[in-house]
Amino acid sequence: GAMFKEKLLISSSPVNYIIVDESKLVDRLG
């Protein structure tokens, strides 16, 4: 539920590391 602040920070940061495991990898969003 924190996508607004998350997007604000990602937009403000020059380097962004996104941490996921294999279960989060998809061929198509949604």
PDB file of all heavy atoms in Angstrom:
ATOM      1  N   GLY A   1       0.784  -1.226   0.000  1.00  0.00           N
ATOM      2  CA  GLY A   1       0.000   0.000   0.000  1.00  0.00           C
ATOM      3  C   GLY A   1       0.816   1.275   0.000  1.00  0.00           C
ATOM      4  O   GLY A   1       0.261   2.355   0.186  1.00  0.00           O
ATOM      5  N   ALA A   2       2.140   1.175  -0.233  1.00  0.00           N
ATOM      6  CA  ALA A   2       2.992   2.370  -0.142  1.00  0.00           C
ATOM      7  C   ALA A   2       3.519   2.793  -1.504  1.00  0.00           C
ATOM      8  O   ALA A   2       4.593   3.388  -1.600  1.00  0.00           O
ATOM      9  CB  ALA A   2       4.157   2.096   0.813  1.00  0.00           C
ATOM     10  N   MET A   3       2.754   2.512  -2.582  1.00  0.00           N
ATOM     11  CA  MET A   3       3.301   2.761  -3.921  1.00  0.00           C
ATOM     12  C   MET A   3       3.567   4.228  -4.215  1.00  0.00           C
ATOM     13  O   MET A   3       4.462   4.557  -4.994  1.00  0.00           O
ATOM     14  CB  MET A   3       2.417   2.159  -5.015  1.00  0.00           C
ATOM     15  CG  MET A   3       0.959   2.534  -4.987  1.00  0.00           C
ATOM     16  SD  MET A   3       0.068   1.410  -3.893  1.00  0.00           S
ATOM     17  CE  MET A   3      -1.627   1.845  -4.238  1.00  0.00           C
ATOM     18  N   PHE A   4       2.803   5.144  -3.611  1.00  0.00           N
ATOM     19  CA  PHE A   4       3.046   6.564  -3.873  1.00  0.00           C
ATOM     20  C   PHE A   4       4.440   6.971  -3.392  1.00  0.00           C
ATOM     21  O   PHE A   4       5.232   7.546  -4.144  1.00  0.00           O
ATOM     22  CB  PHE A   4       1.977   7.428  -3.206  1.00  0.00           C
ATOM     23  CG  PHE A   4       2.267   8.899  -3.293  1.00  0.00           C
ATOM     24  CD1 PHE A   4       2.127   9.574  -4.489  1.00  0.00           C
ATOM     25  CD2 PHE A   4       2.708   9.604  -2.184  1.00  0.00           C
ATOM     26  CE1 PHE A   4       2.414  10.934  -4.588  1.00  0.00           C
ATOM     27  CE2 PHE A   4       2.993  10.956  -2.267  1.00  0.00           C
ATOM     28  CZ  PHE A   4       2.848  11.619  -3.466  1.00  0.00           C
ATOM     29  N   LYS A   5       4.766   6.671  -2.140  1.00  0.00           N
ATOM     30  CA  LYS A   5       6.071   7.052  -1.609  1.00  0.00           C
ATOM     31  C   LYS A   5       7.191   6.251  -2.268  1.00  0.00           C
ATOM     32  O   LYS A   5       8.297   6.765  -2.489  1.00  0.00           O
ATOM     33  CB  LYS A   5       6.095   6.868  -0.098  1.00  0.00           C
ATOM     34  CG  LYS A   5       5.223   7.870   0.644  1.00  0.00           C
ATOM     35  CD  LYS A   5       5.325   7.695   2.147  1.00  0.00           C
ATOM     36  CE  LYS A   5       4.450   8.712   2.872  1.00  0.00           C
ATOM     37  NZ  LYS A   5       4.493   8.528   4.341  1.00  0.00           N
ATOM     38  N   GLU A   6       6.900   4.984  -2.601  1.00  0.00           N
ATOM     39  CA  GLU A   6       7.916   4.186  -3.276  1.00  0.00           C
ATOM     40  C   GLU A   6       8.247   4.767  -4.647  1.00  0.00           C
ATOM     41  O   GLU A   6       9.418   4.865  -5.035  1.00  0.00           O
ATOM     42  CB  GLU A   6       7.424   2.740  -3.411  1.00  0.00           C
ATOM     43  CG  GLU A   6       7.370   1.993  -2.090  1.00  0.00           C
ATOM     44  CD  GLU A   6       6.687   0.649  -2.189  1.00  0.00           C
ATOM     45  OE1 GLU A   6       6.047   0.364  -3.223  1.00  0.00           O
ATOM     46  OE2 GLU A   6       6.773  -0.122  -1.217  1.00  0.00           O
ATOM     47  N   LYS A   7       7.231   5.176  -5.384  1.00  0.00           N
ATOM     48  CA  LYS A   7       7.473   5.741  -6.719  1.00  0.00           C
ATOM     49  C   LYS A   7       8.155   7.102  -6.622  1.00  0.00           C
ATOM     50  O   LYS A   7       9.018   7.434  -7.440  1.00  0.00           O
ATOM     51  CB  LYS A   7       6.168   5.847  -7.499  1.00  0.00           C
ATOM     52  CG  LYS A   7       6.368   6.225  -8.960  1.00  0.00           C
ATOM     53  CD  LYS A   7       5.092   6.060  -9.771  1.00  0.00           C
ATOM     54  CE  LYS A   7       4.735   4.611  -9.982  1.00  0.00           C
ATOM     55  NZ  LYS A   7       3.586   4.445 -10.922  1.00  0.00           N
ATOM     56  N   LEU A   8       7.781   7.877  -5.611  1.00  0.00           N
ATOM     57  CA  LEU A   8       8.426   9.171  -5.408  1.00  0.00           C
ATOM     58  C   LEU A   8       9.910   9.005  -5.150  1.00  0.00           C
ATOM     59  O   LEU A   8      10.745   9.719  -5.717  1.00  0.00           O
ATOM     60  CB  LEU A   8       7.754   9.902  -4.237  1.00  0.00           C
ATOM     61  CG  LEU A   8       8.333  11.267  -3.851  1.00  0.00           C
ATOM     62  CD1 LEU A   8       8.258  12.240  -5.015  1.00  0.00           C
ATOM     63  CD2 LEU A   8       7.588  11.829  -2.642  1.00  0.00           C
ATOM     64  N   LEU A   9      10.269   8.023  -4.319  1.00  0.00           N
ATOM     65  CA  LEU A   9      11.680   7.801  -4.013  1.00  0.00           C
ATOM     66  C   LEU A   9      12.438   7.229  -5.210  1.00  0.00           C
ATOM     67  O   LEU A   9      13.562   7.651  -5.498  1.00  0.00           O
ATOM     68  CB  LEU A   9      11.817   6.860  -2.816  1.00  0.00           C
ATOM     69  CG  LEU A   9      11.929   7.495  -1.433  1.00  0.00           C
ATOM     70  CD1 LEU A   9      12.244   6.445  -0.377  1.00  0.00           C
ATOM     71  CD2 LEU A   9      12.986   8.583  -1.395  1.00  0.00           C
ATOM     72  N   ILE A  10      11.833   6.269  -5.912  1.00  0.00           N
ATOM     73  CA  ILE A  10      12.501   5.707  -7.089  1.00  0.00           C
ATOM     74  C   ILE A  10      12.731   6.789  -8.137  1.00  0.00           C
ATOM     75  O   ILE A  10      13.788   6.836  -8.792  1.00  0.00           O
ATOM     76  CB  ILE A  10      11.684   4.535  -7.663  1.00  0.00           C
ATOM     77  CG1 ILE A  10      11.917   3.280  -6.816  1.00  0.00           C
ATOM     78  CG2 ILE A  10      12.043   4.258  -9.120  1.00  0.00           C
ATOM     79  CD1 ILE A  10      11.196   2.047  -7.317  1.00  0.00           C
ATOM     80  N   SER A  11      11.773   7.677  -8.288  1.00  0.00           N
ATOM     81  CA  SER A  11      11.923   8.766  -9.250  1.00  0.00           C
ATOM     82  C   SER A  11      12.991   9.759  -8.825  1.00  0.00           C
ATOM     83  O   SER A  11      13.568  10.461  -9.663  1.00  0.00           O
ATOM     84  CB  SER A  11      10.581   9.496  -9.423  1.00  0.00           C
ATOM     85  OG  SER A  11       9.581   8.629  -9.890  1.00  0.00           O
ATOM     86  N   SER A  12      13.258   9.829  -7.533  1.00  0.00           N
ATOM     87  CA  SER A  12      14.228  10.788  -6.992  1.00  0.00           C
ATOM     88  C   SER A  12      15.631  10.219  -6.885  1.00  0.00           C
ATOM     89  O   SER A  12      16.588  10.967  -6.646  1.00  0.00           O
ATOM     90  CB  SER A  12      13.780  11.251  -5.590  1.00  0.00           C
ATOM     91  OG  SER A  12      12.492  11.818  -5.618  1.00  0.00           O
ATOM     92  N   SER A  13      15.759   8.897  -7.043  1.00  0.00           N
ATOM     93  CA  SER A  13      17.043   8.243  -6.806  1.00  0.00           C
ATOM     94  C   SER A  13      17.745   7.902  -8.122  1.00  0.00           C
ATOM     95  O   SER A  13      17.108   7.380  -9.041  1.00  0.00           O
ATOM     96  CB  SER A  13      16.830   6.961  -5.991  1.00  0.00           C
ATOM     97  OG  SER A  13      18.037   6.255  -5.833  1.00  0.00           O
ATOM     98  N   PRO A  14      19.050   8.134  -8.226  1.00  0.00           N
ATOM     99  CA  PRO A  14      19.765   7.815  -9.465  1.00  0.00           C
ATOM    100  C   PRO A  14      20.043   6.321  -9.643  1.00  0.00           C
ATOM    101  O   PRO A  14      20.269   5.860 -10.754  1.00  0.00           O
ATOM    102  CB  PRO A  14      21.077   8.597  -9.324  1.00  0.00           C
ATOM    103  CG  PRO A  14      21.278   8.728  -7.848  1.00  0.00           C
ATOM    104  CD  PRO A  14      19.911   8.839  -7.251  1.00  0.00           C
ATOM    105  N   VAL A  15      20.036   5.554  -8.542  1.00  0.00           N
ATOM    106  CA  VAL A  15      20.322   4.118  -8.586  1.00  0.00           C
ATOM    107  C   VAL A  15      19.267   3.403  -7.742  1.00  0.00           C
ATOM    108  O   VAL A  15      19.040   3.766  -6.589  1.00  0.00           O
ATOM    109  CB  VAL A  15      21.730   3.796  -8.036  1.00  0.00           C
ATOM    110  CG1 VAL A  15      21.990   2.298  -8.083  1.00  0.00           C
ATOM    111  CG2 VAL A  15      22.792   4.556  -8.808  1.00  0.00           C
ATOM    112  N   ASN A  16      18.642   2.376  -8.334  1.00  0.00           N
ATOM    113  CA  ASN A  16      17.565   1.668  -7.641  1.00  0.00           C
ATOM    114  C   ASN A  16      17.762   0.158  -7.749  1.00  0.00           C
ATOM    115  O   ASN A  16      17.773  -0.394  -8.856  1.00  0.00           O
ATOM    116  CB  ASN A  16      16.209   2.040  -8.247  1.00  0.00           C
ATOM    117  CG  ASN A  16      15.905   3.522  -8.132  1.00  0.00           C
ATOM    118  OD1 ASN A  16      15.684   4.033  -7.061  1.00  0.00           O
ATOM    119  ND2 ASN A  16      15.913   4.223  -9.270  1.00  0.00           N
ATOM    120  N   TYR A  17      17.917  -0.503  -6.610  1.00  0.00           N
ATOM    121  CA  TYR A  17      18.039  -1.956  -6.559  1.00  0.00           C
ATOM    122  C   TYR A  17      16.701  -2.556  -6.150  1.00  0.00           C
ATOM    123  O   TYR A  17      16.165  -2.220  -5.098  1.00  0.00           O
ATOM    124  CB  TYR A  17      19.119  -2.374  -5.564  1.00  0.00           C
ATOM    125  CG  TYR A  17      20.496  -1.868  -5.904  1.00  0.00           C
ATOM    126  CD1 TYR A  17      21.076  -0.833  -5.177  1.00  0.00           C
ATOM    127  CD2 TYR A  17      21.226  -2.416  -6.966  1.00  0.00           C
ATOM    128  CE1 TYR A  17      22.348  -0.365  -5.493  1.00  0.00           C
ATOM    129  CE2 TYR A  17      22.481  -1.945  -7.295  1.00  0.00           C
ATOM    130  CZ  TYR A  17      23.041  -0.917  -6.552  1.00  0.00           C
ATOM    131  OH  TYR A  17      24.295  -0.455  -6.866  1.00  0.00           O
ATOM    132  N   ILE A  18      16.170  -3.438  -7.004  1.00  0.00           N
ATOM    133  CA  ILE A  18      14.904  -4.104  -6.728  1.00  0.00           C
ATOM    134  C   ILE A  18      15.195  -5.567  -6.408  1.00  0.00           C
ATOM    135  O   ILE A  18      15.762  -6.294  -7.224  1.00  0.00           O
ATOM    136  CB  ILE A  18      13.936  -3.997  -7.929  1.00  0.00           C
ATOM    137  CG1 ILE A  18      13.694  -2.526  -8.282  1.00  0.00           C
ATOM    138  CG2 ILE A  18      12.629  -4.713  -7.620  1.00  0.00           C
ATOM    139  CD1 ILE A  18      13.051  -1.713  -7.179  1.00  0.00           C
ATOM    140  N   ILE A  19      14.781  -5.987  -5.223  1.00  0.00           N
ATOM    141  CA  ILE A  19      15.106  -7.318  -4.713  1.00  0.00           C
ATOM    142  C   ILE A  19      13.901  -8.235  -4.900  1.00  0.00           C
ATOM    143  O   ILE A  19      12.813  -7.963  -4.376  1.00  0.00           O
ATOM    144  CB  ILE A  19      15.469  -7.257  -3.224  1.00  0.00           C
ATOM    145  CG1 ILE A  19      16.573  -6.215  -2.977  1.00  0.00           C
ATOM    146  CG2 ILE A  19      15.905  -8.619  -2.717  1.00  0.00           C
ATOM    147  CD1 ILE A  19      16.705  -5.806  -1.522  1.00  0.00           C
ATOM    148  N   VAL A  20      14.088  -9.331  -5.633  1.00  0.00           N
ATOM    149  CA  VAL A  20      13.005 -10.293  -5.850  1.00  0.00           C
ATOM    150  C   VAL A  20      13.566 -11.707  -5.824  1.00  0.00           C
ATOM    151  O   VAL A  20      14.778 -11.917  -5.932  1.00  0.00           O
ATOM    152  CB  VAL A  20      12.293 -10.054  -7.202  1.00  0.00           C
ATOM    153  CG1 VAL A  20      11.606  -8.701  -7.235  1.00  0.00           C
ATOM    154  CG2 VAL A  20      13.263 -10.188  -8.371  1.00  0.00           C
ATOM    155  N   ASP A  21      12.672 -12.693  -5.680  1.00  0.00           N
ATOM    156  CA  ASP A  21      13.070 -14.073  -5.922  1.00  0.00           C
ATOM    157  C   ASP A  21      12.405 -14.542  -7.217  1.00  0.00           C
ATOM    158  O   ASP A  21      11.664 -13.792  -7.863  1.00  0.00           O
ATOM    159  CB  ASP A  21      12.726 -14.978  -4.735  1.00  0.00           C
ATOM    160  CG  ASP A  21      11.243 -14.969  -4.401  1.00  0.00           C
ATOM    161  OD1 ASP A  21      10.421 -14.803  -5.329  1.00  0.00           O
ATOM    162  OD2 ASP A  21      10.903 -15.127  -3.216  1.00  0.00           O
ATOM    163  N   GLU A  22      12.671 -15.794  -7.613  1.00  0.00           N
ATOM    164  CA  GLU A  22      12.214 -16.274  -8.918  1.00  0.00           C
ATOM    165  C   GLU A  22      10.699 -16.252  -9.056  1.00  0.00           C
ATOM    166  O   GLU A  22      10.174 -16.127 -10.167  1.00  0.00           O
ATOM    167  CB  GLU A  22      12.734 -17.692  -9.168  1.00  0.00           C
ATOM    168  CG  GLU A  22      14.237 -17.750  -9.432  1.00  0.00           C
ATOM    169  CD  GLU A  22      14.695 -19.150  -9.821  1.00  0.00           C
ATOM    170  OE1 GLU A  22      13.847 -20.066  -9.812  1.00  0.00           O
ATOM    171  OE2 GLU A  22      15.886 -19.316 -10.118  1.00  0.00           O
ATOM    172  N   SER A  23       9.990 -16.352  -7.949  1.00  0.00           N
ATOM    173  CA  SER A  23       8.524 -16.376  -8.010  1.00  0.00           C
ATOM    174  C   SER A  23       7.948 -15.063  -8.510  1.00  0.00           C
ATOM    175  O   SER A  23       6.787 -15.005  -8.935  1.00  0.00           O
ATOM    176  CB  SER A  23       7.947 -16.705  -6.624  1.00  0.00           C
ATOM    177  OG  SER A  23       8.161 -15.633  -5.719  1.00  0.00           O
ATOM    178  N   LYS A  24       8.742 -13.989  -8.477  1.00  0.00           N
ATOM    179  CA  LYS A  24       8.251 -12.665  -8.890  1.00  0.00           C
ATOM    180  C   LYS A  24       8.510 -12.376 -10.371  1.00  0.00           C
ATOM    181  O   LYS A  24       8.068 -11.347 -10.872  1.00  0.00           O
ATOM    182  CB  LYS A  24       8.922 -11.575  -8.039  1.00  0.00           C
ATOM    183  CG  LYS A  24       8.753 -11.764  -6.533  1.00  0.00           C
ATOM    184  CD  LYS A  24       7.308 -11.744  -6.118  1.00  0.00           C
ATOM    185  CE  LYS A  24       7.115 -12.023  -4.644  1.00  0.00           C
ATOM    186  NZ  LYS A  24       7.698 -11.009  -3.769  1.00  0.00           N
ATOM    187  N   LEU A  25       9.207 -13.276 -11.049  1.00  0.00           N
ATOM    188  CA  LEU A  25       9.495 -13.074 -12.468  1.00  0.00           C
ATOM    189  C   LEU A  25       8.323 -13.553 -13.311  1.00  0.00           C
ATOM    190  O   LEU A  25       7.834 -14.677 -13.147  1.00  0.00           O
ATOM    191  CB  LEU A  25      10.769 -13.830 -12.867  1.00  0.00           C
ATOM    192  CG  LEU A  25      12.041 -13.485 -12.082  1.00  0.00           C
ATOM    193  CD1 LEU A  25      13.219 -14.293 -12.610  1.00  0.00           C
ATOM    194  CD2 LEU A  25      12.343 -11.991 -12.147  1.00  0.00           C
ATOM    195  N   VAL A  26       7.855 -12.699 -14.220  1.00  0.00           N
ATOM    196  CA  VAL A  26       6.710 -13.035 -15.065  1.00  0.00           C
ATOM    197  C   VAL A  26       7.014 -12.662 -16.516  1.00  0.00           C
ATOM    198  O   VAL A  26       7.857 -11.806 -16.790  1.00  0.00           O
ATOM    199  CB  VAL A  26       5.430 -12.300 -14.602  1.00  0.00           C
ATOM    200  CG1 VAL A  26       5.031 -12.738 -13.198  1.00  0.00           C
ATOM    201  CG2 VAL A  26       5.606 -10.780 -14.658  1.00  0.00           C
ATOM    202  N   ASP A  27       6.322 -13.330 -17.429  1.00  0.00           N
ATOM    203  CA  ASP A  27       6.438 -12.972 -18.844  1.00  0.00           C
ATOM    204  C   ASP A  27       5.600 -11.749 -19.178  1.00  0.00           C
ATOM    205  O   ASP A  27       5.915 -11.009 -20.105  1.00  0.00           O
ATOM    206  CB  ASP A  27       6.002 -14.148 -19.726  1.00  0.00           C
ATOM    207  CG  ASP A  27       6.946 -15.335 -19.615  1.00  0.00           C
ATOM    208  OD1 ASP A  27       8.155 -15.105 -19.410  1.00  0.00           O
ATOM    209  OD2 ASP A  27       6.470 -16.483 -19.708  1.00  0.00           O
ATOM    210  N   ARG A  28       4.510 -11.544 -18.406  1.00  0.00           N
ATOM    211  CA  ARG A  28       3.595 -10.441 -18.666  1.00  0.00           C
ATOM    212  C   ARG A  28       3.149  -9.817 -17.353  1.00  0.00           C
ATOM    213  O   ARG A  28       2.739 -10.532 -16.435  1.00  0.00           O
ATOM    214  CB  ARG A  28       2.366 -10.948 -19.431  1.00  0.00           C
ATOM    215  CG  ARG A  28       1.308  -9.895 -19.686  1.00  0.00           C
ATOM    216  CD  ARG A  28       0.074 -10.492 -20.348  1.00  0.00           C
ATOM    217  NE  ARG A  28      -0.621 -11.443 -19.487  1.00  0.00           N
ATOM    218  CZ  ARG A  28      -1.479 -11.092 -18.530  1.00  0.00           C
ATOM    219  NH1 ARG A  28      -1.725  -9.807 -18.277  1.00  0.00           N
ATOM    220  NH2 ARG A  28      -2.087 -12.011 -17.807  1.00  0.00           N
ATOM    221  N   LEU A  29       3.251  -8.503 -17.238  1.00  0.00           N
ATOM    222  CA  LEU A  29       2.767  -7.828 -16.040  1.00  0.00           C
ATOM    223  C   LEU A  29       1.277  -8.092 -15.853  1.00  0.00           C
ATOM    224  O   LEU A  29       0.509  -8.065 -16.802  1.00  0.00           O
ATOM    225  CB  LEU A  29       3.001  -6.317 -16.130  1.00  0.00           C
ATOM    226  CG  LEU A  29       4.422  -5.791 -15.926  1.00  0.00           C
ATOM    227  CD1 LEU A  29       4.412  -4.260 -15.948  1.00  0.00           C
ATOM    228  CD2 LEU A  29       5.042  -6.294 -14.639  1.00  0.00           C
ATOM    229  N   GLY A  30       0.884  -8.342 -14.618  1.00  0.00           N
ATOM    230  CA  GLY A  30      -0.502  -8.643 -14.317  1.00  0.00           C
ATOM    231  C   GLY A  30      -0.820 -10.122 -14.371  1.00  0.00           C
ATOM    232  O   GLY A  30      -1.983 -10.504 -14.232  1.00  0.00           O
TER     233      GLY A  30
END
